[in-house]
Protein backbone atom coordinates (compact mmCIF):
# COMPACT_ATOMS: atom_id res chain seq x y z
CA MET A 1 -0.04 0.58 0.10
CA ARG A 2 1.83 3.66 -1.13
CA PRO A 3 2.28 5.56 2.05
CA LEU A 4 -0.14 9.39 2.34
CA ASN A 5 1.31 12.18 1.22
CA ARG A 6 0.11 14.68 4.00
CA ILE A 7 0.61 18.53 4.55
CA THR A 8 2.40 18.59 8.29
CA PRO A 9 -0.46 20.68 9.99
CA GLN A 10 0.20 24.33 11.48
CA LEU A 11 -2.31 23.77 14.43
CA PRO A 12 -2.40 20.59 17.04
CA ALA A 13 -5.31 17.84 16.52
CA ALA A 14 -7.21 19.08 19.23
CA ALA A 15 -7.73 21.69 16.80
CA PHE A 16 -9.50 20.24 13.90
CA LYS A 17 -12.93 18.38 13.62
CA THR A 18 -13.73 15.82 11.51
CA TYR A 19 -16.28 15.05 9.26
CA GLN A 20 -17.36 11.32 8.19
CA VAL A 21 -19.98 9.46 6.48
CA ALA A 22 -18.51 5.74 7.37
CA ALA A 23 -20.57 2.66 6.35
CA PRO A 24 -18.39 -0.65 8.52
CA LEU A 25 -17.97 -3.41 7.46
CA PRO A 26 -19.64 -5.55 10.66
CA THR A 27 -22.63 -3.69 10.49
CA HIS A 28 -23.06 -2.70 6.82
CA TRP A 29 -22.03 -4.90 4.58
CA ARG A 30 -22.43 -9.49 4.57
CA PRO A 31 -20.70 -12.18 2.74
CA ALA A 32 -21.67 -12.80 -0.98
CA THR A 33 -21.14 -15.24 -3.34
CA CYS A 34 -18.93 -14.58 -6.59
CA GLU A 35 -21.63 -14.40 -8.74
CA GLU A 36 -23.19 -11.71 -6.64
CA ALA A 37 -20.13 -9.73 -6.17
CA GLY A 38 -19.62 -9.43 -9.84
CA CYS A 39 -16.26 -10.86 -9.43
CA PRO A 40 -14.16 -11.16 -12.70
CA ALA A 41 -12.75 -14.41 -11.74
CA TYR A 42 -16.19 -16.31 -11.73
CA GLU A 43 -17.08 -14.46 -14.89
CA TYR A 44 -13.87 -15.11 -16.53
CA GLY A 45 -11.83 -18.10 -15.18
CA TRP A 46 -8.14 -17.14 -13.62
CA ARG A 47 -4.88 -18.38 -13.31
CA THR A 48 -2.68 -19.12 -10.13
CA LEU A 49 1.13 -19.84 -9.89
CA VAL A 50 2.30 -21.77 -7.53
CA ASP A 51 6.12 -22.19 -6.74
CA GLU A 52 6.03 -26.00 -5.73
CA THR A 53 9.78 -25.85 -4.92
CA SER A 54 8.80 -23.84 -1.63
CA GLU A 55 7.13 -25.73 1.63
CA LEU A 56 4.11 -23.33 0.99
CA GLY A 57 3.66 -23.96 -2.66
CA ARG A 58 3.53 -27.58 -1.78
CA ARG A 59 0.86 -27.21 0.35
CA GLN A 60 -1.28 -25.51 -1.75
CA ALA A 61 -0.64 -27.15 -5.06
CA HIS A 62 -1.59 -29.95 -2.66
CA TYR A 63 -5.28 -28.13 -1.59
CA ILE A 64 -6.22 -27.20 -4.82
CA ARG A 65 -5.40 -30.70 -6.28
CA ARG A 66 -7.30 -32.73 -3.23
CA GLN A 67 -9.66 -30.25 -1.91
CA SER A 68 -10.81 -27.15 -2.87
CA GLY A 69 -12.98 -28.97 -5.51
CA ARG A 70 -12.39 -26.82 -8.19
CA LYS A 71 -12.36 -27.77 -11.98
CA PHE A 72 -8.97 -26.61 -13.44
CA VAL A 73 -6.41 -27.75 -16.02
CA GLU A 74 -2.25 -27.83 -14.68
CA ASP A 75 0.53 -26.67 -16.66
CA ARG A 76 4.02 -25.30 -16.45
CA ASP A 77 5.35 -22.51 -17.26
CA ALA A 78 8.96 -21.53 -18.26
CA GLU A 79 9.85 -20.67 -14.80
CA GLY A 80 9.21 -23.81 -13.59
CA LEU A 81 5.44 -22.47 -11.51
CA THR A 82 2.79 -24.91 -11.75
CA VAL A 83 -0.33 -22.50 -13.10
CA PHE A 84 -3.44 -24.01 -12.70
CA MET A 85 -6.11 -22.81 -14.76
CA PHE A 86 -9.67 -21.92 -13.77
CA ALA A 87 -12.50 -22.46 -15.93
CA PRO A 88 -15.43 -20.07 -15.59
CA GLY A 89 -18.40 -19.80 -13.32
CA GLN A 90 -16.76 -21.72 -10.29
CA THR A 91 -15.99 -20.01 -6.95
CA CYS A 92 -12.75 -18.30 -6.35
CA PHE A 93 -11.04 -18.21 -3.64
CA GLN A 94 -11.02 -14.82 -2.21
CA PRO A 95 -13.95 -13.66 0.28
CA HIS A 96 -16.87 -11.10 -0.95
CA GLN A 97 -18.85 -8.96 0.54
CA VAL A 98 -21.62 -6.70 -0.95
CA PRO A 99 -23.44 -3.96 0.92
CA LEU A 100 -25.98 -4.07 3.33
CA GLU A 101 -29.24 -1.43 2.10
CA ARG A 102 -28.58 0.01 5.08
CA GLU A 103 -28.09 4.12 5.81
CA PRO A 104 -24.30 5.09 6.66
CA LEU A 105 -23.38 5.94 9.76
CA TYR A 106 -22.51 10.52 9.93
CA LEU A 107 -19.55 10.61 11.89
CA VAL A 108 -18.07 13.74 14.02
CA ARG A 109 -14.84 13.78 16.08
CA GLY A 110 -12.76 15.76 17.32
CA GLY A 111 -9.22 15.44 16.04
CA ASP A 112 -7.59 14.91 12.92
CA TRP A 113 -5.82 11.69 10.81
CA ARG A 114 -3.10 12.15 14.02
CA GLY A 115 -6.38 11.15 16.28
CA ASP A 116 -8.12 13.12 19.20
CA PRO A 117 -6.12 14.16 21.85
CA LEU A 118 -8.94 15.37 24.42
CA GLY A 119 -10.12 11.21 24.13
CA GLY A 120 -14.08 12.27 23.46
CA GLN A 121 -16.64 10.03 21.34
CA PRO A 122 -17.82 11.25 18.45
CA TYR A 123 -21.37 12.64 17.28
CA GLN A 124 -23.88 10.24 15.01
CA HIS A 125 -26.40 12.90 13.70
CA ARG A 126 -29.33 10.87 13.21
CA ARG A 127 -29.79 12.42 9.45
CA ALA A 128 -27.49 12.89 7.27
CA GLU A 129 -29.43 16.48 6.69
CA ASP A 130 -28.25 17.38 9.84
CA TRP A 131 -24.46 16.66 9.21
CA VAL A 132 -24.37 18.11 6.28
CA GLU A 133 -25.91 21.42 8.39
CA ASP A 134 -22.91 20.97 10.55
CA PHE A 135 -20.56 20.65 8.79
CA ALA A 136 -21.42 24.23 6.61
CA GLU A 137 -21.75 25.43 10.30
CA HIS A 138 -18.42 24.99 10.78
CA GLN A 139 -16.90 25.91 7.95
CA ASP A 140 -19.02 29.25 8.41
CA ARG A 141 -17.17 29.49 12.20
CA ILE A 142 -13.93 29.36 10.24
CA ALA A 143 -14.35 31.56 7.61
CA ARG A 144 -15.62 34.07 9.82
CA GLN A 145 -11.96 33.57 12.01
CA ILE A 146 -10.18 33.88 9.02
CA GLU A 147 -12.09 37.58 8.17
CA ARG A 148 -11.30 38.70 12.16
CA GLY A 149 -7.51 37.45 11.44
């Protein structure tokens, strides 16, 4: 994962407020089949390369051949890796999730990406309109303070 480039703030984290719309995995998502998730591997098939010279590779190959229950064609590539080619229409090896039809959480918390040094609890708005209004009022307060100097 590429590290984020962030501008170093000139104020302490306690001087900031973070507005967030969140859809946490445990409450807003559910497990799904490849077909439900629109999985490209399910739709088009996929290839898995395995290095059977390593212990991990031998275990992976054993699982694919003996335990996975999937249909495949096996071959070797130029580097000696085992290539398993899986036909479309069968479950891949990745878990999938799809969103539930739930309203996201509209949160306001103290601090910024560095955290909340005051340790406050996030405030959760009940409606998107209230969150938007809170955000607009906060921006207006900041603009007025900048005008005053």
